[in-house]
């Protein structure tokens, strides 16, 4: 299988599953976070993060545009700004807005992968602002889909802890739907 096929397949599956899970989010629970432990994102912060957890970073690797203001690069940020504590993260205010921006993030990821092309994905080595180890571009981008999948699991368990009726079928995106509004 080629990198473009693998990445697009993983993106389609992961985004579709997260989109299904978003249908279970109770908008009145955006301030909720697990009651024990520390440095947890609220549901709203997690949803906000989902809107850029993959596509924006894919763009950064492929084009060098990490979405920062002019003159700011990931390397120039202090560690606590590059990976801020949960309480400093922005939060979503509506599930509908999250779903719209999440769909845009998917389209961005797919477009940028197409623009990168198979040759670059398979042969160009790159580092990450958070990891100086050289890796092939395709491998880096697959890691970003994995990043989204990790947050899919987080969303799933947040929903479980809130008592939402999600199960393994929802986690794997196997044809089950959220209850109708």
Protein backbone atom coordinates (compact mmCIF):
# COMPACT_ATOMS: atom_id res chain seq x y z
CA UNK A 1 0.00 0.00 0.00
CA UNK A 2 1.19 3.51 -0.75
CA UNK A 3 1.48 6.25 1.87
CA UNK A 4 -1.29 8.36 0.31
CA UNK A 5 -3.72 5.43 0.31
CA UNK A 6 -2.83 4.42 3.87
CA UNK A 7 -3.09 7.96 5.25
CA UNK A 8 -6.36 8.74 3.48
CA UNK A 9 -7.90 5.46 4.63
CA UNK A 10 -6.86 6.04 8.25
CA UNK A 11 -8.10 9.64 8.11
CA UNK A 12 -11.48 8.63 6.69
CA UNK A 13 -11.99 5.98 9.37
CA UNK A 14 -10.74 8.01 12.33
CA UNK A 15 -12.60 11.21 11.45
CA UNK A 16 -15.84 9.32 10.78
CA UNK A 17 -15.62 7.57 14.14
CA UNK A 18 -14.90 10.79 16.04
CA UNK A 19 -17.75 12.51 14.19
CA UNK A 20 -20.08 9.73 15.35
CA UNK A 21 -18.92 10.14 18.94
CA UNK A 22 -19.51 13.89 18.73
CA UNK A 23 -23.19 13.07 18.33
CA UNK A 24 -23.23 11.86 21.95
CA UNK A 25 -21.80 15.04 23.45
CA UNK A 26 -24.19 16.86 25.75
CA UNK A 27 -23.52 20.55 25.12
CA UNK A 28 -24.43 21.34 28.73
CA UNK A 29 -21.40 19.26 29.79
CA UNK A 30 -18.63 21.24 28.03
CA UNK A 31 -17.15 22.25 31.41
CA UNK A 32 -17.05 18.62 32.63
CA UNK A 33 -13.74 16.87 33.26
CA UNK A 34 -12.87 13.69 35.15
CA UNK A 35 -13.28 14.24 38.88
CA UNK A 36 -9.97 12.72 39.99
CA UNK A 37 -6.39 13.41 39.01
CA UNK A 38 -5.02 16.62 37.58
CA UNK A 39 -4.35 18.44 34.31
CA UNK A 40 -7.43 17.05 32.57
CA UNK A 41 -8.94 18.96 29.68
CA UNK A 42 -12.61 19.79 30.03
CA UNK A 43 -14.93 18.27 27.43
CA UNK A 44 -15.00 21.67 25.69
CA UNK A 45 -11.20 21.86 25.59
CA UNK A 46 -10.99 18.33 24.21
CA UNK A 47 -13.54 19.16 21.51
CA UNK A 48 -11.62 22.34 20.63
CA UNK A 49 -8.41 20.32 20.38
CA UNK A 50 -10.05 17.78 18.07
CA UNK A 51 -10.60 20.56 15.51
CA UNK A 52 -6.85 20.87 14.92
CA UNK A 53 -5.35 17.65 16.29
CA UNK A 54 -4.51 16.28 12.85
CA UNK A 55 -5.07 18.49 9.81
CA UNK A 56 -3.31 21.59 11.10
CA UNK A 57 -0.27 19.58 12.13
CA UNK A 58 -0.23 17.67 8.84
CA UNK A 59 -0.15 21.08 7.15
CA UNK A 60 2.75 22.10 9.40
CA UNK A 61 4.83 19.09 8.43
CA UNK A 62 4.10 19.35 4.71
CA UNK A 63 4.23 23.12 4.17
CA UNK A 64 6.06 24.51 7.20
CA UNK A 65 2.95 26.58 8.05
CA UNK A 66 2.16 25.69 11.66
CA UNK A 67 -0.59 28.31 11.89
CA UNK A 68 1.34 30.68 14.15
CA UNK A 69 1.32 34.47 13.75
CA UNK A 70 3.97 36.06 11.51
CA UNK A 71 7.42 35.78 13.06
CA UNK A 72 6.44 33.04 15.54
CA UNK A 73 7.61 29.47 15.03
CA UNK A 74 7.12 26.37 17.18
CA UNK A 75 10.80 26.46 18.04
CA UNK A 76 10.49 30.02 19.41
CA UNK A 77 7.75 29.15 21.89
CA UNK A 78 8.47 28.36 25.53
CA UNK A 79 7.68 24.73 26.40
CA UNK A 80 4.63 25.73 28.45
CA UNK A 81 3.14 27.48 25.40
CA UNK A 82 3.99 24.67 22.97
CA UNK A 83 2.25 22.18 25.25
CA UNK A 84 0.20 24.26 27.70
CA UNK A 85 -1.37 22.95 30.90
CA UNK A 86 -5.00 21.98 30.41
CA UNK A 87 -6.34 25.05 32.23
CA UNK A 88 -4.67 27.29 29.64
CA UNK A 89 -6.19 25.54 26.63
CA UNK A 90 -9.03 27.17 24.67
CA UNK A 91 -12.50 25.66 24.88
CA UNK A 92 -15.30 25.01 22.42
CA UNK A 93 -18.63 26.67 22.99
CA UNK A 94 -20.84 24.61 20.69
CA UNK A 95 -20.87 21.09 19.33
CA UNK A 96 -22.20 22.32 15.98
CA UNK A 97 -19.20 24.63 15.57
CA UNK A 98 -16.83 21.80 16.53
CA UNK A 99 -18.40 19.48 13.96
CA UNK A 100 -18.04 22.12 11.24
CA UNK A 101 -14.41 22.92 12.06
CA UNK A 102 -13.64 19.20 12.49
CA UNK A 103 -14.89 18.55 8.94
CA UNK A 104 -12.70 21.43 7.68
CA UNK A 105 -9.69 19.93 9.48
CA UNK A 106 -10.29 16.60 7.72
CA UNK A 107 -10.48 18.29 4.33
CA UNK A 108 -7.26 20.18 5.10
CA UNK A 109 -5.46 16.94 6.02
CA UNK A 110 -6.64 15.17 2.86
CA UNK A 111 -5.77 18.11 0.60
CA UNK A 112 -2.28 18.56 2.04
CA UNK A 113 -1.50 14.83 1.77
CA UNK A 114 -2.47 14.96 -1.91
CA UNK A 115 -0.30 18.05 -2.39
CA UNK A 116 2.67 16.38 -0.69
CA UNK A 117 2.51 13.42 -3.03
CA UNK A 118 3.80 9.90 -2.73
CA UNK A 119 7.43 10.76 -3.49
CA UNK A 120 7.75 13.22 -0.59
CA UNK A 121 5.78 11.05 1.81
CA UNK A 122 8.00 8.04 1.13
CA UNK A 123 11.39 9.72 0.86
CA UNK A 124 11.54 13.09 2.61
CA UNK A 125 12.81 13.06 6.17
CA UNK A 126 11.56 15.62 8.65
CA UNK A 127 11.70 16.41 12.34
CA UNK A 128 8.99 17.70 14.64
CA UNK A 129 9.18 20.79 16.83
CA UNK A 130 8.76 18.45 19.81
CA UNK A 131 11.00 15.62 18.49
CA UNK A 132 14.29 16.18 16.64
CA UNK A 133 14.47 12.56 15.45
CA UNK A 134 14.35 12.46 11.62
CA UNK A 135 11.47 10.38 10.26
CA UNK A 136 9.95 9.97 6.82
CA UNK A 137 7.18 12.48 6.17
CA UNK A 138 4.59 9.72 5.67
CA UNK A 139 5.47 8.26 9.05
CA UNK A 140 5.15 11.68 10.72
CA UNK A 141 1.71 12.20 9.17
CA UNK A 142 0.57 8.75 10.23
CA UNK A 143 1.61 9.76 13.74
CA UNK A 144 -0.72 12.75 13.51
CA UNK A 145 -3.62 10.47 12.59
CA UNK A 146 -2.60 8.41 15.62
CA UNK A 147 -2.70 11.59 17.72
CA UNK A 148 -6.30 12.13 16.64
CA UNK A 149 -7.07 8.47 17.40
CA UNK A 150 -5.67 8.92 20.93
CA UNK A 151 -8.05 11.83 21.48
CA UNK A 152 -10.86 9.72 20.00
CA UNK A 153 -10.23 7.29 22.85
CA UNK A 154 -10.21 10.17 25.33
CA UNK A 155 -13.55 11.41 23.99
CA UNK A 156 -14.98 7.88 24.18
CA UNK A 157 -14.00 7.52 27.83
CA UNK A 158 -15.23 11.00 28.71
CA UNK A 159 -18.58 10.00 27.24
CA UNK A 160 -18.56 6.70 29.17
CA UNK A 161 -17.74 8.50 32.41
CA UNK A 162 -20.62 10.91 31.78
CA UNK A 163 -23.00 7.96 31.45
CA UNK A 164 -23.57 8.29 27.70
CA UNK A 165 -24.70 5.03 26.01
CA UNK A 166 -21.51 4.39 24.01
CA UNK A 167 -19.97 0.98 23.56
CA UNK A 168 -17.23 -0.81 21.65
CA UNK A 169 -19.17 -0.53 18.40
CA UNK A 170 -19.13 3.27 18.72
CA UNK A 171 -15.43 3.27 19.56
CA UNK A 172 -14.64 1.48 16.31
CA UNK A 173 -17.25 3.35 14.25
CA UNK A 174 -19.14 0.22 13.31
CA UNK A 175 -22.47 1.56 12.12
CA UNK A 176 -24.06 2.65 15.38
CA UNK A 177 -25.47 6.14 15.69
CA UNK A 178 -25.97 8.64 18.46
CA UNK A 179 -29.52 9.11 19.72
CA UNK A 180 -31.59 11.62 17.74
CA UNK A 181 -31.81 15.13 19.15
